[in-house]
Protein backbone atom coordinates (compact mmCIF):
# COMPACT_ATOMS: atom_id res chain seq x y z
CA UNK A 1 121.97 -18.46 149.55
CA UNK A 2 119.89 -20.51 147.13
CA UNK A 3 116.79 -18.95 145.65
CA UNK A 4 113.44 -20.52 146.30
CA UNK A 5 111.37 -21.93 143.48
CA UNK A 6 108.82 -19.13 143.91
CA UNK A 7 111.54 -16.47 143.65
CA UNK A 8 112.91 -18.13 140.49
CA UNK A 9 109.41 -18.14 138.97
CA UNK A 10 109.10 -14.41 139.72
CA UNK A 11 112.46 -13.75 138.05
CA UNK A 12 111.40 -15.81 135.04
CA UNK A 13 108.12 -13.85 134.74
CA UNK A 14 110.09 -10.62 135.03
CA UNK A 15 112.51 -11.74 132.30
CA UNK A 16 109.64 -12.75 130.01
CA UNK A 17 108.00 -9.35 130.51
CA UNK A 18 111.28 -7.60 129.70
CA UNK A 19 111.70 -9.65 126.50
CA UNK A 20 108.12 -8.75 125.51
CA UNK A 21 108.72 -5.00 125.99
CA UNK A 22 112.19 -4.83 124.44
CA UNK A 23 112.76 -3.66 120.87
CA UNK A 24 116.31 -5.02 121.01
CA UNK A 25 118.34 -7.17 123.39
CA UNK A 26 122.12 -7.41 123.74
CA UNK A 27 123.88 -10.25 125.56
CA UNK A 28 127.28 -9.44 127.07
CA UNK A 29 129.92 -11.30 129.04
CA UNK A 30 131.37 -9.38 131.96
CA UNK A 31 134.02 -10.20 134.52
CA UNK A 32 135.49 -8.11 137.34
CA UNK A 33 133.79 -4.83 136.42
CA UNK A 34 134.13 -2.29 139.22
CA UNK A 35 130.90 -1.28 140.93
CA UNK A 36 131.44 2.38 140.03
CA UNK A 37 131.86 1.52 136.34
CA UNK A 38 128.87 -0.82 136.47
CA UNK A 39 126.66 1.90 137.96
CA UNK A 40 127.87 4.42 135.37
CA UNK A 41 126.89 1.98 132.60
CA UNK A 42 123.47 1.40 134.20
CA UNK A 43 122.85 5.15 134.39
CA UNK A 44 123.82 5.70 130.75
CA UNK A 45 121.47 2.90 129.71
CA UNK A 46 118.65 4.22 131.90
CA UNK A 47 118.96 7.63 130.22
CA UNK A 48 118.33 5.93 126.86
CA UNK A 49 115.30 3.89 128.04
CA UNK A 50 117.39 0.75 128.30
CA UNK A 51 118.04 -1.64 131.16
CA UNK A 52 121.06 -3.67 132.27
CA UNK A 53 119.98 -6.94 133.86
CA UNK A 54 121.93 -9.83 135.35
CA UNK A 55 120.21 -13.18 135.82
CA UNK A 56 121.24 -16.77 136.28
CA UNK A 57 122.06 -18.44 132.98
CA UNK A 58 119.55 -21.26 133.54
CA UNK A 59 116.73 -18.76 134.12
CA UNK A 60 117.81 -16.80 131.07
CA UNK A 61 117.75 -19.99 128.99
CA UNK A 62 114.25 -20.77 130.24
CA UNK A 63 113.07 -17.27 129.30
CA UNK A 64 114.63 -17.61 125.84
CA UNK A 65 112.96 -20.99 125.43
CA UNK A 66 109.60 -19.48 126.47
CA UNK A 67 110.03 -16.81 123.77
CA UNK A 68 111.06 -19.41 121.14
CA UNK A 69 114.63 -18.13 120.78
CA UNK A 70 116.45 -21.39 120.30
CA UNK A 71 120.06 -21.39 119.21
CA UNK A 72 121.51 -19.28 122.02
CA UNK A 73 122.72 -21.17 125.08
CA UNK A 74 123.92 -18.85 127.81
CA UNK A 75 125.54 -21.75 129.69
CA UNK A 76 127.98 -22.24 126.80
CA UNK A 77 129.58 -18.89 127.66
CA UNK A 78 132.22 -18.56 130.35
CA UNK A 79 131.93 -16.00 133.10
CA UNK A 80 129.02 -13.88 134.15
CA UNK A 81 126.46 -12.69 131.68
CA UNK A 82 124.37 -9.53 131.44
CA UNK A 83 121.38 -8.75 129.28
CA UNK A 84 120.73 -5.22 128.05
CA UNK A 85 117.14 -4.52 127.05
CA UNK A 86 116.43 -1.57 124.74
CA UNK A 87 112.85 -0.37 125.09
CA UNK A 88 112.75 2.61 122.69
CA UNK A 89 115.76 2.81 120.40
CA UNK A 90 116.99 -0.45 118.89
CA UNK A 91 120.54 0.84 118.43
CA UNK A 92 121.10 2.65 121.74
CA UNK A 93 121.91 -0.38 123.95
CA UNK A 94 124.51 -1.69 121.50
CA UNK A 95 126.07 1.77 121.07
CA UNK A 96 126.31 2.46 124.79
CA UNK A 97 127.68 -0.99 125.54
CA UNK A 98 130.16 -0.68 122.66
CA UNK A 99 131.47 2.61 124.10
CA UNK A 100 131.78 0.94 127.50
CA UNK A 101 133.67 -1.99 125.98
CA UNK A 102 136.24 0.39 124.47
CA UNK A 103 137.37 1.28 128.01
CA UNK A 104 136.86 -2.22 129.47
CA UNK A 105 137.99 -4.66 126.76
CA UNK A 106 139.29 -7.22 129.23
CA UNK A 107 136.12 -7.25 131.33
CA UNK A 108 133.23 -6.94 128.86
CA UNK A 109 132.46 -8.37 125.42
CA UNK A 110 129.45 -8.93 123.16
CA UNK A 111 127.92 -12.41 123.00
CA UNK A 112 124.98 -11.77 120.70
CA UNK A 113 121.54 -10.27 120.79
CA UNK A 114 117.98 -10.17 119.56
CA UNK A 115 116.75 -7.71 116.96
CA UNK A 116 113.33 -7.72 115.30
CA UNK A 117 112.50 -11.08 116.87
CA UNK A 118 115.63 -12.83 115.56
CA UNK A 119 118.84 -13.89 117.27
CA UNK A 120 121.93 -12.10 116.00
CA UNK A 121 125.63 -12.89 116.42
CA UNK A 122 128.18 -10.80 118.32
CA UNK A 123 129.64 -9.33 115.12
CA UNK A 124 126.15 -8.25 114.04
CA UNK A 125 125.72 -6.49 117.39
CA UNK A 126 129.02 -4.67 116.76
CA UNK A 127 127.75 -3.63 113.33
CA UNK A 128 124.52 -2.43 114.92
CA UNK A 129 126.57 -0.37 117.39
CA UNK A 130 128.33 1.39 114.50
CA UNK A 131 125.04 2.64 113.02
CA UNK A 132 124.16 6.29 113.58
CA UNK A 133 121.56 7.04 116.24
CA UNK A 134 117.96 7.82 115.35
CA UNK A 135 118.54 11.55 115.94
CA UNK A 136 121.60 11.54 113.65
CA UNK A 137 119.60 9.79 110.92
CA UNK A 138 116.78 12.33 111.28
CA UNK A 139 119.30 15.18 111.02
CA UNK A 140 120.81 13.66 107.86
CA UNK A 141 117.34 13.19 106.38
CA UNK A 142 116.33 16.78 107.11
CA UNK A 143 119.64 17.99 105.66
CA UNK A 144 119.08 15.92 102.52
CA UNK A 145 115.55 17.25 102.12
CA UNK A 146 116.69 20.81 102.82
CA UNK A 147 119.70 20.76 100.45
CA UNK A 148 117.79 21.28 97.15
CA UNK A 149 115.67 24.04 98.67
CA UNK A 150 118.67 25.91 100.08
CA UNK A 151 120.52 25.47 96.76
CA UNK A 152 117.55 26.96 94.91
CA UNK A 153 117.38 29.89 97.33
CA UNK A 154 121.13 30.50 96.93
CA UNK A 155 120.79 30.43 93.13
CA UNK A 156 117.99 32.99 93.24
CA UNK A 157 119.93 35.15 95.70
CA UNK A 158 122.98 34.94 93.41
CA UNK A 159 120.97 36.25 90.50
CA UNK A 160 119.71 39.14 92.61
CA UNK A 161 123.26 39.91 93.77
CA UNK A 162 124.44 39.90 90.16
CA UNK A 163 121.58 42.20 89.13
CA UNK A 164 122.42 44.64 91.94
CA UNK A 165 126.08 44.50 90.92
CA UNK A 166 125.24 45.29 87.27
CA UNK A 167 122.94 48.17 88.28
CA UNK A 168 125.68 49.60 90.56
CA UNK A 169 128.20 49.34 87.72
CA UNK A 170 125.82 51.17 85.33
CA UNK A 171 125.21 53.87 87.94
CA UNK A 172 128.96 54.35 88.51
CA UNK A 173 129.58 54.50 84.76
CA UNK A 174 126.92 57.20 84.31
CA UNK A 175 128.29 59.26 87.23
């Protein structure tokens, strides 16, 4: 059933609002994905404050044009197309979709994306997916900051252990 012009305008407004809110966007081609797998992907994305959205390519092109993202034509891609909006973590949508693609190589692939207000190619999205998550980066940062302090504490503790060892040796020698 064809969509009315009013319904298409609502979808376009909705898409524009999603582009405004999103910190990152990933475009993906998908074909013949099972409903169960599709719902699992949606749930994983929802847990990371991301959203999986399927819209007509012409409406998507209009939304991209409204946001001044020229250079990406969704109609040039075969098959169905999904858009994954990341609202909090810029890397999470690409990582989750990349993990999904590992199990569904024939059905899903990257087409490109938007990061920091610029269009990026599919290989750049793959590179983004290989980055550590925000929590992993925080953990590495804390570990790097903590390393000199813990080394200093271990050095001081080593000196105390050596002192206790020397005192014990002197006591045993005198006994």
